[in-house]
């Protein structure tokens, strides 16, 4: 069972999402509307993502999705998706938003899978060349 949450106007609402992998989504959003990533950073277990998108007339929701698997490399990679649902917003204003996501689930799965306390995971954002270095 995957755990997730929906980010609506800065408030996370917990929900369960059926599934069988250890990954999941936080701040889940089923949308795949266009989004640009301008900057990413990690502090402790918090991923901060600055995004750009078109809109301005409706509430947009965003999600952080990971399938629970690592791609073997040195260090290993976790492919993640920042999902965006514009909910049909017809406006085209350029909107900037800072999103924050908890990476603890990735760290916990890495520790379980690799039987070590400390490590590094490269966070690879799907459909982009953007990566972030997560060290714990």
C-alpha atoms as a PDB file:
ATOM      1  CA  UNK A   1       0.000   0.000   0.000  1.00  0.00           C
ATOM      2  CA  UNK A   2       1.519   3.320  -1.050  1.00  0.00           C
ATOM      3  CA  UNK A   3       1.069   6.354   1.145  1.00  0.00           C
ATOM      4  CA  UNK A   4       0.520   9.717  -0.357  1.00  0.00           C
ATOM      5  CA  UNK A   5      -0.778  13.198   0.167  1.00  0.00           C
ATOM      6  CA  UNK A   6      -2.241  15.899  -1.998  1.00  0.00           C
ATOM      7  CA  UNK A   7      -0.785  19.401  -1.796  1.00  0.00           C
ATOM      8  CA  UNK A   8      -3.575  21.954  -2.086  1.00  0.00           C
ATOM      9  CA  UNK A   9      -2.723  25.570  -1.394  1.00  0.00           C
ATOM     10  CA  UNK A  10       0.177  24.529   0.849  1.00  0.00           C
ATOM     11  CA  UNK A  11      -1.815  22.044   2.969  1.00  0.00           C
ATOM     12  CA  UNK A  12      -1.058  18.325   2.695  1.00  0.00           C
ATOM     13  CA  UNK A  13      -4.026  15.997   2.970  1.00  0.00           C
ATOM     14  CA  UNK A  14      -3.047  12.371   3.701  1.00  0.00           C
ATOM     15  CA  UNK A  15      -4.524   9.589   1.611  1.00  0.00           C
ATOM     16  CA  UNK A  16      -3.789   5.923   0.868  1.00  0.00           C
ATOM     17  CA  UNK A  17      -3.009   4.917  -2.681  1.00  0.00           C
ATOM     18  CA  UNK A  18      -3.246   1.220  -3.685  1.00  0.00           C
ATOM     19  CA  UNK A  19       0.006  -0.306  -4.826  1.00  0.00           C
ATOM     20  CA  UNK A  20       2.609  -2.928  -4.035  1.00  0.00           C
ATOM     21  CA  UNK A  21       5.931  -1.119  -4.227  1.00  0.00           C
ATOM     22  CA  UNK A  22       7.718   0.502  -1.267  1.00  0.00           C
ATOM     23  CA  UNK A  23       7.674   3.866  -3.033  1.00  0.00           C
ATOM     24  CA  UNK A  24       4.725   6.125  -3.251  1.00  0.00           C
ATOM     25  CA  UNK A  25       3.724   9.641  -3.619  1.00  0.00           C
ATOM     26  CA  UNK A  26       3.670  12.562  -1.284  1.00  0.00           C
ATOM     27  CA  UNK A  27       1.558  15.450  -2.143  1.00  0.00           C
ATOM     28  CA  UNK A  28       0.097  13.200  -4.858  1.00  0.00           C
ATOM     29  CA  UNK A  29      -1.256  14.692  -8.029  1.00  0.00           C
ATOM     30  CA  UNK A  30      -2.372  12.647 -10.988  1.00  0.00           C
ATOM     31  CA  UNK A  31      -1.822  15.590 -13.357  1.00  0.00           C
ATOM     32  CA  UNK A  32       0.830  15.703 -16.014  1.00  0.00           C
ATOM     33  CA  UNK A  33       0.464  19.342 -17.001  1.00  0.00           C
ATOM     34  CA  UNK A  34       3.648  21.158 -18.115  1.00  0.00           C
ATOM     35  CA  UNK A  35       6.016  22.346 -15.415  1.00  0.00           C
ATOM     36  CA  UNK A  36       9.556  23.681 -15.395  1.00  0.00           C
ATOM     37  CA  UNK A  37      12.098  23.092 -12.646  1.00  0.00           C
ATOM     38  CA  UNK A  38      14.306  26.118 -12.089  1.00  0.00           C
ATOM     39  CA  UNK A  39      16.220  25.044  -8.974  1.00  0.00           C
ATOM     40  CA  UNK A  40      16.485  22.152  -6.535  1.00  0.00           C
ATOM     41  CA  UNK A  41      18.192  21.770  -3.182  1.00  0.00           C
ATOM     42  CA  UNK A  42      18.238  19.302  -0.304  1.00  0.00           C
ATOM     43  CA  UNK A  43      18.634  20.185   3.350  1.00  0.00           C
ATOM     44  CA  UNK A  44      18.633  17.223   5.717  1.00  0.00           C
ATOM     45  CA  UNK A  45      15.630  15.159   4.528  1.00  0.00           C
ATOM     46  CA  UNK A  46      13.756  17.986   2.790  1.00  0.00           C
ATOM     47  CA  UNK A  47      13.805  18.441  -0.973  1.00  0.00           C
ATOM     48  CA  UNK A  48      13.032  21.979  -2.139  1.00  0.00           C
ATOM     49  CA  UNK A  49      11.986  22.417  -5.769  1.00  0.00           C
ATOM     50  CA  UNK A  50      11.382  25.802  -7.401  1.00  0.00           C
ATOM     51  CA  UNK A  51       8.944  25.361 -10.282  1.00  0.00           C
ATOM     52  CA  UNK A  52       7.549  27.546 -13.063  1.00  0.00           C
ATOM     53  CA  UNK A  53       4.236  26.962 -14.786  1.00  0.00           C
ATOM     54  CA  UNK A  54       1.486  28.723 -16.689  1.00  0.00           C
ATOM     55  CA  UNK A  55      -1.715  29.594 -14.872  1.00  0.00           C
ATOM     56  CA  UNK A  56      -3.043  32.101 -12.381  1.00  0.00           C
ATOM     57  CA  UNK A  57      -6.808  31.553 -12.518  1.00  0.00           C
ATOM     58  CA  UNK A  58      -7.244  28.214 -10.695  1.00  0.00           C
ATOM     59  CA  UNK A  59      -5.744  26.232  -7.839  1.00  0.00           C
ATOM     60  CA  UNK A  60      -2.930  23.953  -9.040  1.00  0.00           C
ATOM     61  CA  UNK A  61      -1.856  20.764  -7.264  1.00  0.00           C
ATOM     62  CA  UNK A  62       1.584  19.177  -7.281  1.00  0.00           C
ATOM     63  CA  UNK A  63       2.924  15.774  -6.401  1.00  0.00           C
ATOM     64  CA  UNK A  64       6.163  13.967  -5.674  1.00  0.00           C
ATOM     65  CA  UNK A  65       6.077  10.423  -6.998  1.00  0.00           C
ATOM     66  CA  UNK A  66       8.647   7.651  -6.667  1.00  0.00           C
ATOM     67  CA  UNK A  67       8.119   3.987  -7.556  1.00  0.00           C
ATOM     68  CA  UNK A  68      10.274   2.662  -4.698  1.00  0.00           C
ATOM     69  CA  UNK A  69      13.062   1.360  -6.920  1.00  0.00           C
ATOM     70  CA  UNK A  70      16.687   2.354  -7.269  1.00  0.00           C
ATOM     71  CA  UNK A  71      18.621   2.375 -10.519  1.00  0.00           C
ATOM     72  CA  UNK A  72      21.937   0.666  -9.928  1.00  0.00           C
ATOM     73  CA  UNK A  73      24.845   3.050 -10.452  1.00  0.00           C
ATOM     74  CA  UNK A  74      27.447   4.502  -8.145  1.00  0.00           C
ATOM     75  CA  UNK A  75      25.786   6.121  -6.294  1.00  0.00           C
ATOM     76  CA  UNK A  76      22.343   4.655  -6.940  1.00  0.00           C
ATOM     77  CA  UNK A  77      19.620   6.806  -8.516  1.00  0.00           C
ATOM     78  CA  UNK A  78      15.981   7.298  -7.623  1.00  0.00           C
ATOM     79  CA  UNK A  79      13.831   8.473 -10.536  1.00  0.00           C
ATOM     80  CA  UNK A  80      11.134  10.849  -9.278  1.00  0.00           C
ATOM     81  CA  UNK A  81       8.352  12.839 -10.883  1.00  0.00           C
ATOM     82  CA  UNK A  82       7.064  16.240  -9.884  1.00  0.00           C
ATOM     83  CA  UNK A  83       3.461  15.913 -11.028  1.00  0.00           C
ATOM     84  CA  UNK A  84       1.397  18.990 -11.825  1.00  0.00           C
ATOM     85  CA  UNK A  85      -2.369  19.241 -12.251  1.00  0.00           C
ATOM     86  CA  UNK A  86      -3.549  22.629 -13.507  1.00  0.00           C
ATOM     87  CA  UNK A  87      -7.205  21.578 -13.145  1.00  0.00           C
ATOM     88  CA  UNK A  88      -7.982  23.077 -16.538  1.00  0.00           C
ATOM     89  CA  UNK A  89      -6.642  26.544 -15.678  1.00  0.00           C
ATOM     90  CA  UNK A  90      -6.882  28.480 -18.969  1.00  0.00           C
ATOM     91  CA  UNK A  91      -4.684  31.395 -17.855  1.00  0.00           C
ATOM     92  CA  UNK A  92      -1.133  31.814 -19.108  1.00  0.00           C
ATOM     93  CA  UNK A  93       0.549  33.970 -16.454  1.00  0.00           C
ATOM     94  CA  UNK A  94       4.027  32.776 -15.544  1.00  0.00           C
ATOM     95  CA  UNK A  95       3.768  31.482 -11.968  1.00  0.00           C
ATOM     96  CA  UNK A  96       6.713  30.672  -9.680  1.00  0.00           C
ATOM     97  CA  UNK A  97       6.252  28.360  -6.716  1.00  0.00           C
ATOM     98  CA  UNK A  98       8.525  26.717  -4.130  1.00  0.00           C
ATOM     99  CA  UNK A  99       7.584  23.127  -3.241  1.00  0.00           C
ATOM    100  CA  UNK A 100       8.995  21.064  -0.368  1.00  0.00           C
ATOM    101  CA  UNK A 101       8.939  17.281  -0.066  1.00  0.00           C
ATOM    102  CA  UNK A 102      10.123  14.826   2.594  1.00  0.00           C
ATOM    103  CA  UNK A 103      12.765  12.356   1.329  1.00  0.00           C
ATOM    104  CA  UNK A 104      12.663  10.085   4.408  1.00  0.00           C
ATOM    105  CA  UNK A 105      10.882   7.330   2.467  1.00  0.00           C
ATOM    106  CA  UNK A 106      13.777   7.136  -0.013  1.00  0.00           C
ATOM    107  CA  UNK A 107      16.330   7.070   2.804  1.00  0.00           C
ATOM    108  CA  UNK A 108      14.424   4.368   4.706  1.00  0.00           C
ATOM    109  CA  UNK A 109      14.098   2.173   1.602  1.00  0.00           C
ATOM    110  CA  UNK A 110      17.813   2.610   0.824  1.00  0.00           C
ATOM    111  CA  UNK A 111      18.762   1.602   4.372  1.00  0.00           C
ATOM    112  CA  UNK A 112      16.490  -1.446   4.201  1.00  0.00           C
ATOM    113  CA  UNK A 113      17.696  -2.527   0.777  1.00  0.00           C
ATOM    114  CA  UNK A 114      21.431  -1.880   1.219  1.00  0.00           C
ATOM    115  CA  UNK A 115      21.688  -2.713   4.951  1.00  0.00           C
ATOM    116  CA  UNK A 116      23.728   0.399   5.735  1.00  0.00           C
ATOM    117  CA  UNK A 117      23.043   3.495   7.814  1.00  0.00           C
ATOM    118  CA  UNK A 118      24.657   6.191   5.648  1.00  0.00           C
ATOM    119  CA  UNK A 119      24.655   6.642   1.917  1.00  0.00           C
ATOM    120  CA  UNK A 120      24.048   8.757  -1.137  1.00  0.00           C
ATOM    121  CA  UNK A 121      21.198   8.691  -3.629  1.00  0.00           C
ATOM    122  CA  UNK A 122      21.075  10.784  -6.777  1.00  0.00           C
ATOM    123  CA  UNK A 123      17.532  12.100  -7.175  1.00  0.00           C
ATOM    124  CA  UNK A 124      16.810  12.127 -10.926  1.00  0.00           C
ATOM    125  CA  UNK A 125      13.797  14.190 -12.017  1.00  0.00           C
ATOM    126  CA  UNK A 126      11.943  12.419 -14.823  1.00  0.00           C
ATOM    127  CA  UNK A 127      11.808  14.085 -18.225  1.00  0.00           C
ATOM    128  CA  UNK A 128      14.609  16.511 -17.273  1.00  0.00           C
ATOM    129  CA  UNK A 129      18.389  16.552 -16.850  1.00  0.00           C
ATOM    130  CA  UNK A 130      17.906  17.870 -13.307  1.00  0.00           C
ATOM    131  CA  UNK A 131      19.412  15.911 -10.422  1.00  0.00           C
ATOM    132  CA  UNK A 132      19.970  16.438  -6.701  1.00  0.00           C
ATOM    133  CA  UNK A 133      22.538  14.791  -4.416  1.00  0.00           C
ATOM    134  CA  UNK A 134      20.866  13.292  -1.303  1.00  0.00           C
ATOM    135  CA  UNK A 135      23.392  12.337   1.360  1.00  0.00           C
ATOM    136  CA  UNK A 136      22.350  10.901   4.719  1.00  0.00           C
END
